Amino acid sequence: DETNHGMLVNFHRGIVLHRFAFKKKVRHISFSPDSSHFAVSTGSHVQVWITPSLRREFSPFILHRTYTGQSDDVTHITWSSNSQFFVASSNDNTARVFSRDPLEGFTPTTLAAHRGPLVGSFFTED
């Protein structure tokens, strides 16, 4: 919401199950295609969280990992079709490709030299 809170809601019952306060303004949120994780842009960082399960827990929001490397606000996040990678677009005129989990030999790739802030970036199916 507008006060940097995330809410876990049961839409069938119409009740809020859990509230979580993010430390910075959330600009974008994106669920992975396999629904196991979701990515949240908070300032120049991207936080990947494990999607809460249906059973009731004391703390359903579990941080998987925080990704850094951009110097301005991240404006858009898109996942690859296999949910292993995501690309984060930023106001610093770059897009960075990250792996959800550490992969041997993989280094996050920066796509630079854009003429203005990026509002979106996407993966193709091939």
Foldseek 3Di string as FASTA:
>chain_A
DQQQKDFDADVVVGDTQDIDHDPADWQDKAAALVRQWMWTWGWQKIWIWGQFDPDRDPDRTHTQDMDHDDDGTFHDKEAANVRQWIWTFFQSQKIWIDGSDDDPPDDIDIDHDGPGGDNDDYDDND
